[in-house]
Amino acid sequence: AHQRALTFTDERATSPIVTTDEVLTEYLTFFSTTPFRREAAEGVN
């Protein structure tokens, strides 16, 4: 779904994006065992 996420982001570039701490926790958990662990944490921070 990467390309769809990019398209969604481009189409709504002026809209504020809202998320929750729980969503960010799930995101960090997903990437916690991958080589992208540090990048994921830096992005959330």
ModelCIF file with pLDDT and N, C-alpha, C, O atoms, coordinates in Angstrom:
data_MODEL
#
_entry.id   MODEL 
#
_entity.id                         1 
_entity.type                       polymer 
_entity.pdbx_number_of_molecules   1 
#
_entity_poly.entity_id                      1 
_entity_poly.type                           'polypeptide(L)' 
_entity_poly.nstd_linkage                   no 
_entity_poly.nstd_monomer                   no 
_entity_poly.pdbx_seq_one_letter_code       AHQRALTFTDERATSPIVTTDEVLTEYLTFFSTTPFRREAAEGVN 
_entity_poly.pdbx_seq_one_letter_code_can   AHQRALTFTDERATSPIVTTDEVLTEYLTFFSTTPFRREAAEGVN 
_entity_poly.pdbx_strand_id                 A 
#
loop_
_entity_poly_seq.entity_id 
_entity_poly_seq.num 
_entity_poly_seq.mon_id 
_entity_poly_seq.hetero 
1 1  ALA n 
1 2  HIS n 
1 3  GLN n 
1 4  ARG n 
1 5  ALA n 
1 6  LEU n 
1 7  THR n 
1 8  PHE n 
1 9  THR n 
1 10 ASP n 
1 11 GLU n 
1 12 ARG n 
1 13 ALA n 
1 14 THR n 
1 15 SER n 
1 16 PRO n 
1 17 ILE n 
1 18 VAL n 
1 19 THR n 
1 20 THR n 
1 21 ASP n 
1 22 GLU n 
1 23 VAL n 
1 24 LEU n 
1 25 THR n 
1 26 GLU n 
1 27 TYR n 
1 28 LEU n 
1 29 THR n 
1 30 PHE n 
1 31 PHE n 
1 32 SER n 
1 33 THR n 
1 34 THR n 
1 35 PRO n 
1 36 PHE n 
1 37 ARG n 
1 38 ARG n 
1 39 GLU n 
1 40 ALA n 
1 41 ALA n 
1 42 GLU n 
1 43 GLY n 
1 44 VAL n 
1 45 ASN n 
#
_struct_asym.id          A 
_struct_asym.entity_id   1 
#
loop_
_ma_qa_metric.id 
_ma_qa_metric.mode 
_ma_qa_metric.name 
_ma_qa_metric.software_group_id 
_ma_qa_metric.type 
1 global pLDDT . pLDDT 
2 local  pLDDT . pLDDT 
#
_ma_qa_metric_global.metric_id      1 
_ma_qa_metric_global.metric_value   90.93 
_ma_qa_metric_global.model_id       1 
_ma_qa_metric_global.ordinal_id     1 
#
loop_
_ma_qa_metric_local.label_asym_id 
_ma_qa_metric_local.label_comp_id 
_ma_qa_metric_local.label_seq_id 
_ma_qa_metric_local.metric_id 
_ma_qa_metric_local.metric_value 
_ma_qa_metric_local.model_id 
_ma_qa_metric_local.ordinal_id 
A ALA 1  2 97.00 1 1  
A HIS 2  2 97.00 1 2  
A GLN 3  2 98.00 1 3  
A ARG 4  2 96.00 1 4  
A ALA 5  2 95.00 1 5  
A LEU 6  2 96.00 1 6  
A THR 7  2 96.00 1 7  
A PHE 8  2 93.00 1 8  
A THR 9  2 92.00 1 9  
A ASP 10 2 94.00 1 10 
A GLU 11 2 91.00 1 11 
A ARG 12 2 90.00 1 12 
A ALA 13 2 87.00 1 13 
A THR 14 2 91.00 1 14 
A SER 15 2 92.00 1 15 
A PRO 16 2 93.00 1 16 
A ILE 17 2 90.00 1 17 
A VAL 18 2 93.00 1 18 
A THR 19 2 93.00 1 19 
A THR 20 2 95.00 1 20 
A ASP 21 2 93.00 1 21 
A GLU 22 2 96.00 1 22 
A VAL 23 2 96.00 1 23 
A LEU 24 2 93.00 1 24 
A THR 25 2 93.00 1 25 
A GLU 26 2 95.00 1 26 
A TYR 27 2 93.00 1 27 
A LEU 28 2 93.00 1 28 
A THR 29 2 93.00 1 29 
A PHE 30 2 93.00 1 30 
A PHE 31 2 91.00 1 31 
A SER 32 2 91.00 1 32 
A THR 33 2 88.00 1 33 
A THR 34 2 85.00 1 34 
A PRO 35 2 83.00 1 35 
A PHE 36 2 81.00 1 36 
A ARG 37 2 85.00 1 37 
A ARG 38 2 85.00 1 38 
A GLU 39 2 87.00 1 39 
A ALA 40 2 87.00 1 40 
A ALA 41 2 87.00 1 41 
A GLU 42 2 87.00 1 42 
A GLY 43 2 82.00 1 43 
A VAL 44 2 84.00 1 44 
A ASN 45 2 82.00 1 45 
#
loop_
_atom_site.group_PDB 
_atom_site.id 
_atom_site.type_symbol 
_atom_site.label_atom_id 
_atom_site.label_alt_id 
_atom_site.label_comp_id 
_atom_site.label_asym_id 
_atom_site.label_entity_id 
_atom_site.label_seq_id 
_atom_site.pdbx_PDB_ins_code 
_atom_site.Cartn_x 
_atom_site.Cartn_y 
_atom_site.Cartn_z 
_atom_site.occupancy 
_atom_site.B_iso_or_equiv 
_atom_site.pdbx_formal_charge 
_atom_site.auth_seq_id 
_atom_site.auth_comp_id 
_atom_site.auth_asym_id 
_atom_site.auth_atom_id 
_atom_site.pdbx_PDB_model_num 
ATOM 1   N N  . ALA A 1 1  ? 0.815  -1.221 0.000  1.00 97.00 ? 1  ALA A N  1 
ATOM 2   C CA . ALA A 1 1  ? 0.000  0.000  0.000  1.00 97.00 ? 1  ALA A CA 1 
ATOM 3   C C  . ALA A 1 1  ? 0.851  1.276  0.000  1.00 97.00 ? 1  ALA A C  1 
ATOM 4   O O  . ALA A 1 1  ? 0.322  2.375  0.166  1.00 97.00 ? 1  ALA A O  1 
ATOM 5   N N  . HIS A 1 2  ? 2.151  1.132  -0.184 1.00 97.00 ? 2  HIS A N  1 
ATOM 6   C CA . HIS A 1 2  ? 3.045  2.294  -0.131 1.00 97.00 ? 2  HIS A CA 1 
ATOM 7   C C  . HIS A 1 2  ? 2.646  3.376  -1.135 1.00 97.00 ? 2  HIS A C  1 
ATOM 8   O O  . HIS A 1 2  ? 2.536  4.547  -0.772 1.00 97.00 ? 2  HIS A O  1 
ATOM 9   N N  . GLN A 1 3  ? 2.432  3.000  -2.368 1.00 98.00 ? 3  GLN A N  1 
ATOM 10  C CA . GLN A 1 3  ? 2.087  3.998  -3.386 1.00 98.00 ? 3  GLN A CA 1 
ATOM 11  C C  . GLN A 1 3  ? 0.761  4.683  -3.065 1.00 98.00 ? 3  GLN A C  1 
ATOM 12  O O  . GLN A 1 3  ? 0.623  5.889  -3.271 1.00 98.00 ? 3  GLN A O  1 
ATOM 13  N N  . ARG A 1 4  ? -0.203 3.933  -2.567 1.00 96.00 ? 4  ARG A N  1 
ATOM 14  C CA . ARG A 1 4  ? -1.490 4.537  -2.185 1.00 96.00 ? 4  ARG A CA 1 
ATOM 15  C C  . ARG A 1 4  ? -1.313 5.522  -1.039 1.00 96.00 ? 4  ARG A C  1 
ATOM 16  O O  . ARG A 1 4  ? -1.967 6.565  -1.017 1.00 96.00 ? 4  ARG A O  1 
ATOM 17  N N  . ALA A 1 5  ? -0.439 5.208  -0.087 1.00 95.00 ? 5  ALA A N  1 
ATOM 18  C CA . ALA A 1 5  ? -0.180 6.122  1.027  1.00 95.00 ? 5  ALA A CA 1 
ATOM 19  C C  . ALA A 1 5  ? 0.485  7.406  0.527  1.00 95.00 ? 5  ALA A C  1 
ATOM 20  O O  . ALA A 1 5  ? 0.158  8.498  0.992  1.00 95.00 ? 5  ALA A O  1 
ATOM 21  N N  . LEU A 1 6  ? 1.417  7.274  -0.416 1.00 96.00 ? 6  LEU A N  1 
ATOM 22  C CA . LEU A 1 6  ? 2.048  8.456  -0.995 1.00 96.00 ? 6  LEU A CA 1 
ATOM 23  C C  . LEU A 1 6  ? 1.039  9.321  -1.740 1.00 96.00 ? 6  LEU A C  1 
ATOM 24  O O  . LEU A 1 6  ? 1.042  10.546 -1.614 1.00 96.00 ? 6  LEU A O  1 
ATOM 25  N N  . THR A 1 7  ? 0.182  8.676  -2.511 1.00 96.00 ? 7  THR A N  1 
ATOM 26  C CA . THR A 1 7  ? -0.843 9.406  -3.261 1.00 96.00 ? 7  THR A CA 1 
ATOM 27  C C  . THR A 1 7  ? -1.795 10.119 -2.308 1.00 96.00 ? 7  THR A C  1 
ATOM 28  O O  . THR A 1 7  ? -2.119 11.289 -2.512 1.00 96.00 ? 7  THR A O  1 
ATOM 29  N N  . PHE A 1 8  ? -2.241 9.422  -1.273 1.00 93.00 ? 8  PHE A N  1 
ATOM 30  C CA . PHE A 1 8  ? -3.129 10.008 -0.263 1.00 93.00 ? 8  PHE A CA 1 
ATOM 31  C C  . PHE A 1 8  ? -2.475 11.234 0.363  1.00 93.00 ? 8  PHE A C  1 
ATOM 32  O O  . PHE A 1 8  ? -3.124 12.265 0.541  1.00 93.00 ? 8  PHE A O  1 
ATOM 33  N N  . THR A 1 9  ? -1.199 11.124 0.695  1.00 92.00 ? 9  THR A N  1 
ATOM 34  C CA . THR A 1 9  ? -0.470 12.228 1.307  1.00 92.00 ? 9  THR A CA 1 
ATOM 35  C C  . THR A 1 9  ? -0.383 13.413 0.351  1.00 92.00 ? 9  THR A C  1 
ATOM 36  O O  . THR A 1 9  ? -0.605 14.553 0.759  1.00 92.00 ? 9  THR A O  1 
ATOM 37  N N  . ASP A 1 10 ? -0.066 13.157 -0.906 1.00 94.00 ? 10 ASP A N  1 
ATOM 38  C CA . ASP A 1 10 ? 0.030  14.231 -1.901 1.00 94.00 ? 10 ASP A CA 1 
ATOM 39  C C  . ASP A 1 10 ? -1.307 14.916 -2.138 1.00 94.00 ? 10 ASP A C  1 
ATOM 40  O O  . ASP A 1 10 ? -1.367 16.140 -2.255 1.00 94.00 ? 10 ASP A O  1 
ATOM 41  N N  . GLU A 1 11 ? -2.372 14.139 -2.209 1.00 91.00 ? 11 GLU A N  1 
ATOM 42  C CA . GLU A 1 11 ? -3.691 14.697 -2.495 1.00 91.00 ? 11 GLU A CA 1 
ATOM 43  C C  . GLU A 1 11 ? -4.228 15.559 -1.360 1.00 91.00 ? 11 GLU A C  1 
ATOM 44  O O  . GLU A 1 11 ? -5.051 16.447 -1.581 1.00 91.00 ? 11 GLU A O  1 
ATOM 45  N N  . ARG A 1 12 ? -3.764 15.297 -0.160 1.00 90.00 ? 12 ARG A N  1 
ATOM 46  C CA . ARG A 1 12 ? -4.276 16.017 1.005  1.00 90.00 ? 12 ARG A CA 1 
ATOM 47  C C  . ARG A 1 12 ? -3.166 16.757 1.736  1.00 90.00 ? 12 ARG A C  1 
ATOM 48  O O  . ARG A 1 12 ? -3.166 16.840 2.964  1.00 90.00 ? 12 ARG A O  1 
ATOM 49  N N  . ALA A 1 13 ? -2.240 17.282 0.985  1.00 87.00 ? 13 ALA A N  1 
ATOM 50  C CA . ALA A 1 13 ? -1.040 17.902 1.543  1.00 87.00 ? 13 ALA A CA 1 
ATOM 51  C C  . ALA A 1 13 ? -1.340 19.083 2.458  1.00 87.00 ? 13 ALA A C  1 
ATOM 52  O O  . ALA A 1 13 ? -0.547 19.376 3.354  1.00 87.00 ? 13 ALA A O  1 
ATOM 53  N N  . THR A 1 14 ? -2.445 19.757 2.262  1.00 91.00 ? 14 THR A N  1 
ATOM 54  C CA . THR A 1 14 ? -2.747 20.933 3.084  1.00 91.00 ? 14 THR A CA 1 
ATOM 55  C C  . THR A 1 14 ? -3.574 20.605 4.313  1.00 91.00 ? 14 THR A C  1 
ATOM 56  O O  . THR A 1 14 ? -3.802 21.480 5.149  1.00 91.00 ? 14 THR A O  1 
ATOM 57  N N  . SER A 1 15 ? -4.022 19.381 4.442  1.00 92.00 ? 15 SER A N  1 
ATOM 58  C CA . SER A 1 15 ? -4.833 18.981 5.590  1.00 92.00 ? 15 SER A CA 1 
ATOM 59  C C  . SER A 1 15 ? -3.950 18.553 6.757  1.00 92.00 ? 15 SER A C  1 
ATOM 60  O O  . SER A 1 15 ? -2.967 17.838 6.563  1.00 92.00 ? 15 SER A O  1 
ATOM 61  N N  . PRO A 1 16 ? -4.296 18.988 7.968  1.00 93.00 ? 16 PRO A N  1 
ATOM 62  C CA . PRO A 1 16 ? -3.526 18.518 9.123  1.00 93.00 ? 16 PRO A CA 1 
ATOM 63  C C  . PRO A 1 16 ? -3.777 17.027 9.366  1.00 93.00 ? 16 PRO A C  1 
ATOM 64  O O  . PRO A 1 16 ? -4.890 16.538 9.174  1.00 93.00 ? 16 PRO A O  1 
ATOM 65  N N  . ILE A 1 17 ? -2.744 16.323 9.784  1.00 90.00 ? 17 ILE A N  1 
ATOM 66  C CA . ILE A 1 17 ? -2.852 14.893 10.064 1.00 90.00 ? 17 ILE A CA 1 
ATOM 67  C C  . ILE A 1 17 ? -2.857 14.695 11.575 1.00 90.00 ? 17 ILE A C  1 
ATOM 68  O O  . ILE A 1 17 ? -2.027 15.250 12.295 1.00 90.00 ? 17 ILE A O  1 
ATOM 69  N N  . VAL A 1 18 ? -3.808 13.891 12.038 1.00 93.00 ? 18 VAL A N  1 
ATOM 70  C CA . VAL A 1 18 ? -3.957 13.595 13.459 1.00 93.00 ? 18 VAL A CA 1 
ATOM 71  C C  . VAL A 1 18 ? -3.809 12.093 13.659 1.00 93.00 ? 18 VAL A C  1 
ATOM 72  O O  . VAL A 1 18 ? -4.306 11.300 12.860 1.00 93.00 ? 18 VAL A O  1 
ATOM 73  N N  . THR A 1 19 ? -3.127 11.711 14.723 1.00 93.00 ? 19 THR A N  1 
ATOM 74  C CA . THR A 1 19 ? -3.016 10.305 15.088 1.00 93.00 ? 19 THR A CA 1 
ATOM 75  C C  . THR A 1 19 ? -3.024 10.211 16.601 1.00 93.00 ? 19 THR A C  1 
ATOM 76  O O  . THR A 1 19 ? -3.217 11.220 17.279 1.00 93.00 ? 19 THR A O  1 
ATOM 77  N N  . THR A 1 20 ? -2.819 9.032  17.139 1.00 95.00 ? 20 THR A N  1 
ATOM 78  C CA . THR A 1 20 ? -2.830 8.857  18.591 1.00 95.00 ? 20 THR A CA 1 
ATOM 79  C C  . THR A 1 20 ? -1.521 8.218  19.057 1.00 95.00 ? 20 THR A C  1 
ATOM 80  O O  . THR A 1 20 ? -0.764 7.672  18.255 1.00 95.00 ? 20 THR A O  1 
ATOM 81  N N  . ASP A 1 21 ? -1.274 8.295  20.343 1.00 93.00 ? 21 ASP A N  1 
ATOM 82  C CA . ASP A 1 21 ? -0.099 7.629  20.900 1.00 93.00 ? 21 ASP A CA 1 
ATOM 83  C C  . ASP A 1 21 ? -0.179 6.126  20.683 1.00 93.00 ? 21 ASP A C  1 
ATOM 84  O O  . ASP A 1 21 ? 0.841  5.478  20.448 1.00 93.00 ? 21 ASP A O  1 
ATOM 85  N N  . GLU A 1 22 ? -1.380 5.566  20.758 1.00 96.00 ? 22 GLU A N  1 
ATOM 86  C CA . GLU A 1 22 ? -1.549 4.125  20.550 1.00 96.00 ? 22 GLU A CA 1 
ATOM 87  C C  . GLU A 1 22 ? -1.146 3.717  19.134 1.00 96.00 ? 22 GLU A C  1 
ATOM 88  O O  . GLU A 1 22 ? -0.511 2.681  18.941 1.00 96.00 ? 22 GLU A O  1 
ATOM 89  N N  . VAL A 1 23 ? -1.509 4.519  18.160 1.00 96.00 ? 23 VAL A N  1 
ATOM 90  C CA . VAL A 1 23 ? -1.129 4.243  16.772 1.00 96.00 ? 23 VAL A CA 1 
ATOM 91  C C  . VAL A 1 23 ? 0.388  4.293  16.632 1.00 96.00 ? 23 VAL A C  1 
ATOM 92  O O  . VAL A 1 23 ? 0.983  3.430  15.987 1.00 96.00 ? 23 VAL A O  1 
ATOM 93  N N  . LEU A 1 24 ? 1.004  5.285  17.224 1.00 93.00 ? 24 LEU A N  1 
ATOM 94  C CA . LEU A 1 24 ? 2.457  5.398  17.133 1.00 93.00 ? 24 LEU A CA 1 
ATOM 95  C C  . LEU A 1 24 ? 3.151  4.245  17.861 1.00 93.00 ? 24 LEU A C  1 
ATOM 96  O O  . LEU A 1 24 ? 4.210  3.790  17.429 1.00 93.00 ? 24 LEU A O  1 
ATOM 97  N N  . THR A 1 25 ? 2.566  3.777  18.950 1.00 93.00 ? 25 THR A N  1 
ATOM 98  C CA . THR A 1 25 ? 3.107  2.611  19.656 1.00 93.00 ? 25 THR A CA 1 
ATOM 99  C C  . THR A 1 25 ? 3.037  1.374  18.771 1.00 93.00 ? 25 THR A C  1 
ATOM 100 O O  . THR A 1 25 ? 3.994  0.602  18.712 1.00 93.00 ? 25 THR A O  1 
ATOM 101 N N  . GLU A 1 26 ? 1.921  1.177  18.085 1.00 95.00 ? 26 GLU A N  1 
ATOM 102 C CA . GLU A 1 26 ? 1.793  0.043  17.162 1.00 95.00 ? 26 GLU A CA 1 
ATOM 103 C C  . GLU A 1 26 ? 2.812  0.152  16.031 1.00 95.00 ? 26 GLU A C  1 
ATOM 104 O O  . GLU A 1 26 ? 3.411  -0.846 15.632 1.00 95.00 ? 26 GLU A O  1 
ATOM 105 N N  . TYR A 1 27 ? 3.002  1.345  15.527 1.00 93.00 ? 27 TYR A N  1 
ATOM 106 C CA . TYR A 1 27 ? 3.979  1.594  14.463 1.00 93.00 ? 27 TYR A CA 1 
ATOM 107 C C  . TYR A 1 27 ? 5.390  1.217  14.935 1.00 93.00 ? 27 TYR A C  1 
ATOM 108 O O  . TYR A 1 27 ? 6.124  0.530  14.225 1.00 93.00 ? 27 TYR A O  1 
ATOM 109 N N  . LEU A 1 28 ? 5.754  1.663  16.119 1.00 93.00 ? 28 LEU A N  1 
ATOM 110 C CA . LEU A 1 28 ? 7.075  1.345  16.661 1.00 93.00 ? 28 LEU A CA 1 
ATOM 111 C C  . LEU A 1 28 ? 7.229  -0.149 16.909 1.00 93.00 ? 28 LEU A C  1 
ATOM 112 O O  . LEU A 1 28 ? 8.299  -0.710 16.673 1.00 93.00 ? 28 LEU A O  1 
ATOM 113 N N  . THR A 1 29 ? 6.175  -0.793 17.381 1.00 93.00 ? 29 THR A N  1 
ATOM 114 C CA . THR A 1 29 ? 6.217  -2.235 17.608 1.00 93.00 ? 29 THR A CA 1 
ATOM 115 C C  . THR A 1 29 ? 6.433  -2.977 16.297 1.00 93.00 ? 29 THR A C  1 
ATOM 116 O O  . THR A 1 29 ? 7.210  -3.931 16.240 1.00 93.00 ? 29 THR A O  1 
ATOM 117 N N  . PHE A 1 30 ? 5.752  -2.545 15.251 1.00 93.00 ? 30 PHE A N  1 
ATOM 118 C CA . PHE A 1 30 ? 5.895  -3.181 13.941 1.00 93.00 ? 30 PHE A CA 1 
ATOM 119 C C  . PHE A 1 30 ? 7.349  -3.146 13.473 1.00 93.00 ? 30 PHE A C  1 
ATOM 120 O O  . PHE A 1 30 ? 7.861  -4.143 12.964 1.00 93.00 ? 30 PHE A O  1 
ATOM 121 N N  . PHE A 1 31 ? 8.007  -2.012 13.641 1.00 91.00 ? 31 PHE A N  1 
ATOM 122 C CA . PHE A 1 31 ? 9.375  -1.856 13.150 1.00 91.00 ? 31 PHE A CA 1 
ATOM 123 C C  . PHE A 1 31 ? 10.443 -2.229 14.179 1.00 91.00 ? 31 PHE A C  1 
ATOM 124 O O  . PHE A 1 31 ? 11.633 -2.109 13.890 1.00 91.00 ? 31 PHE A O  1 
ATOM 125 N N  . SER A 1 32 ? 10.050 -2.675 15.362 1.00 91.00 ? 32 SER A N  1 
ATOM 126 C CA . SER A 1 32 ? 11.018 -2.913 16.442 1.00 91.00 ? 32 SER A CA 1 
ATOM 127 C C  . SER A 1 32 ? 12.029 -4.017 16.149 1.00 91.00 ? 32 SER A C  1 
ATOM 128 O O  . SER A 1 32 ? 13.116 -4.018 16.727 1.00 91.00 ? 32 SER A O  1 
ATOM 129 N N  . THR A 1 33 ? 11.704 -4.936 15.282 1.00 88.00 ? 33 THR A N  1 
ATOM 130 C CA . THR A 1 33 ? 12.635 -6.032 14.979 1.00 88.00 ? 33 THR A CA 1 
ATOM 131 C C  . THR A 1 33 ? 13.185 -5.946 13.562 1.00 88.00 ? 33 THR A C  1 
ATOM 132 O O  . THR A 1 33 ? 13.694 -6.934 13.032 1.00 88.00 ? 33 THR A O  1 
ATOM 133 N N  . THR A 1 34 ? 13.088 -4.793 12.958 1.00 85.00 ? 34 THR A N  1 
ATOM 134 C CA . THR A 1 34 ? 13.578 -4.622 11.590 1.00 85.00 ? 34 THR A CA 1 
ATOM 135 C C  . THR A 1 34 ? 14.815 -3.731 11.585 1.00 85.00 ? 34 THR A C  1 
ATOM 136 O O  . THR A 1 34 ? 15.115 -3.079 12.585 1.00 85.00 ? 34 THR A O  1 
ATOM 137 N N  . PRO A 1 35 ? 15.525 -3.700 10.478 1.00 83.00 ? 35 PRO A N  1 
ATOM 138 C CA . PRO A 1 35 ? 16.675 -2.788 10.367 1.00 83.00 ? 35 PRO A CA 1 
ATOM 139 C C  . PRO A 1 35 ? 16.264 -1.309 10.432 1.00 83.00 ? 35 PRO A C  1 
ATOM 140 O O  . PRO A 1 35 ? 17.120 -0.439 10.595 1.00 83.00 ? 35 PRO A O  1 
ATOM 141 N N  . PHE A 1 36 ? 14.974 -1.023 10.305 1.00 81.00 ? 36 PHE A N  1 
ATOM 142 C CA . PHE A 1 36 ? 14.486 0.363  10.295 1.00 81.00 ? 36 PHE A CA 1 
ATOM 143 C C  . PHE A 1 36 ? 14.060 0.843  11.673 1.00 81.00 ? 36 PHE A C  1 
ATOM 144 O O  . PHE A 1 36 ? 13.403 1.876  11.803 1.00 81.00 ? 36 PHE A O  1 
ATOM 145 N N  . ARG A 1 37 ? 14.434 0.092  12.698 1.00 85.00 ? 37 ARG A N  1 
ATOM 146 C CA . ARG A 1 37 ? 14.019 0.418  14.062 1.00 85.00 ? 37 ARG A CA 1 
ATOM 147 C C  . ARG A 1 37 ? 14.415 1.847  14.451 1.00 85.00 ? 37 ARG A C  1 
ATOM 148 O O  . ARG A 1 37 ? 13.584 2.612  14.940 1.00 85.00 ? 37 ARG A O  1 
ATOM 149 N N  . ARG A 1 38 ? 15.673 2.201  14.234 1.00 85.00 ? 38 ARG A N  1 
ATOM 150 C CA . ARG A 1 38 ? 16.153 3.540  14.610 1.00 85.00 ? 38 ARG A CA 1 
ATOM 151 C C  . ARG A 1 38 ? 15.429 4.632  13.823 1.00 85.00 ? 38 ARG A C  1 
ATOM 152 O O  . ARG A 1 38 ? 15.031 5.649  14.392 1.00 85.00 ? 38 ARG A O  1 
ATOM 153 N N  . GLU A 1 39 ? 15.259 4.425  12.527 1.00 87.00 ? 39 GLU A N  1 
ATOM 154 C CA . GLU A 1 39 ? 14.586 5.428  11.703 1.00 87.00 ? 39 GLU A CA 1 
ATOM 155 C C  . GLU A 1 39 ? 13.129 5.612  12.140 1.00 87.00 ? 39 GLU A C  1 
ATOM 156 O O  . GLU A 1 39 ? 12.619 6.732  12.149 1.00 87.00 ? 39 GLU A O  1 
ATOM 157 N N  . ALA A 1 40 ? 12.473 4.528  12.495 1.00 87.00 ? 40 ALA A N  1 
ATOM 158 C CA . ALA A 1 40 ? 11.087 4.612  12.961 1.00 87.00 ? 40 ALA A CA 1 
ATOM 159 C C  . ALA A 1 40 ? 11.012 5.421  14.240 1.00 87.00 ? 40 ALA A C  1 
ATOM 160 O O  . ALA A 1 40 ? 10.151 6.290  14.377 1.00 87.00 ? 40 ALA A O  1 
ATOM 161 N N  . ALA A 1 41 ? 11.902 5.145  15.175 1.00 87.00 ? 41 ALA A N  1 
ATOM 162 C CA . ALA A 1 41 ? 11.906 5.883  16.443 1.00 87.00 ? 41 ALA A CA 1 
ATOM 163 C C  . ALA A 1 41 ? 12.230 7.356  16.229 1.00 87.00 ? 41 ALA A C  1 
ATOM 164 O O  . ALA A 1 41 ? 11.621 8.220  16.859 1.00 87.00 ? 41 ALA A O  1 
ATOM 165 N N  . GLU A 1 42 ? 13.162 7.646  15.364 1.00 87.00 ? 42 GLU A N  1 
ATOM 166 C CA . GLU A 1 42 ? 13.508 9.041  15.082 1.00 87.00 ? 42 GLU A CA 1 
ATOM 167 C C  . GLU A 1 42 ? 12.327 9.767  14.438 1.00 87.00 ? 42 GLU A C  1 
ATOM 168 O O  . GLU A 1 42 ? 12.078 10.936 14.732 1.00 87.00 ? 42 GLU A O  1 
ATOM 169 N N  . GLY A 1 43 ? 11.603 9.074  13.564 1.00 82.00 ? 43 GLY A N  1 
ATOM 170 C CA . GLY A 1 43 ? 10.438 9.688  12.930 1.00 82.00 ? 43 GLY A CA 1 
ATOM 171 C C  . GLY A 1 43 ? 9.338  10.013 13.924 1.00 82.00 ? 43 GLY A C  1 
ATOM 172 O O  . GLY A 1 43 ? 8.705  11.065 13.826 1.00 82.00 ? 43 GLY A O  1 
ATOM 173 N N  . VAL A 1 44 ? 9.106  9.133  14.868 1.00 84.00 ? 44 VAL A N  1 
ATOM 174 C CA . VAL A 1 44 ? 8.076  9.381  15.893 1.00 84.00 ? 44 VAL A CA 1 
ATOM 175 C C  . VAL A 1 44 ? 8.526  10.509 16.805 1.00 84.00 ? 44 VAL A C  1 
ATOM 176 O O  . VAL A 1 44 ? 7.724  11.372 17.162 1.00 84.00 ? 44 VAL A O  1 
ATOM 177 N N  . ASN A 1 45 ? 9.783  10.517 17.184 1.00 82.00 ? 45 ASN A N  1 
ATOM 178 C CA . ASN A 1 45 ? 10.291 11.592 18.058 1.00 82.00 ? 45 ASN A CA 1 
ATOM 179 C C  . ASN A 1 45 ? 10.223 12.954 17.382 1.00 82.00 ? 45 ASN A C  1 
ATOM 180 O O  . ASN A 1 45 ? 10.610 13.959 17.978 1.00 82.00 ? 45 ASN A O  1 
#
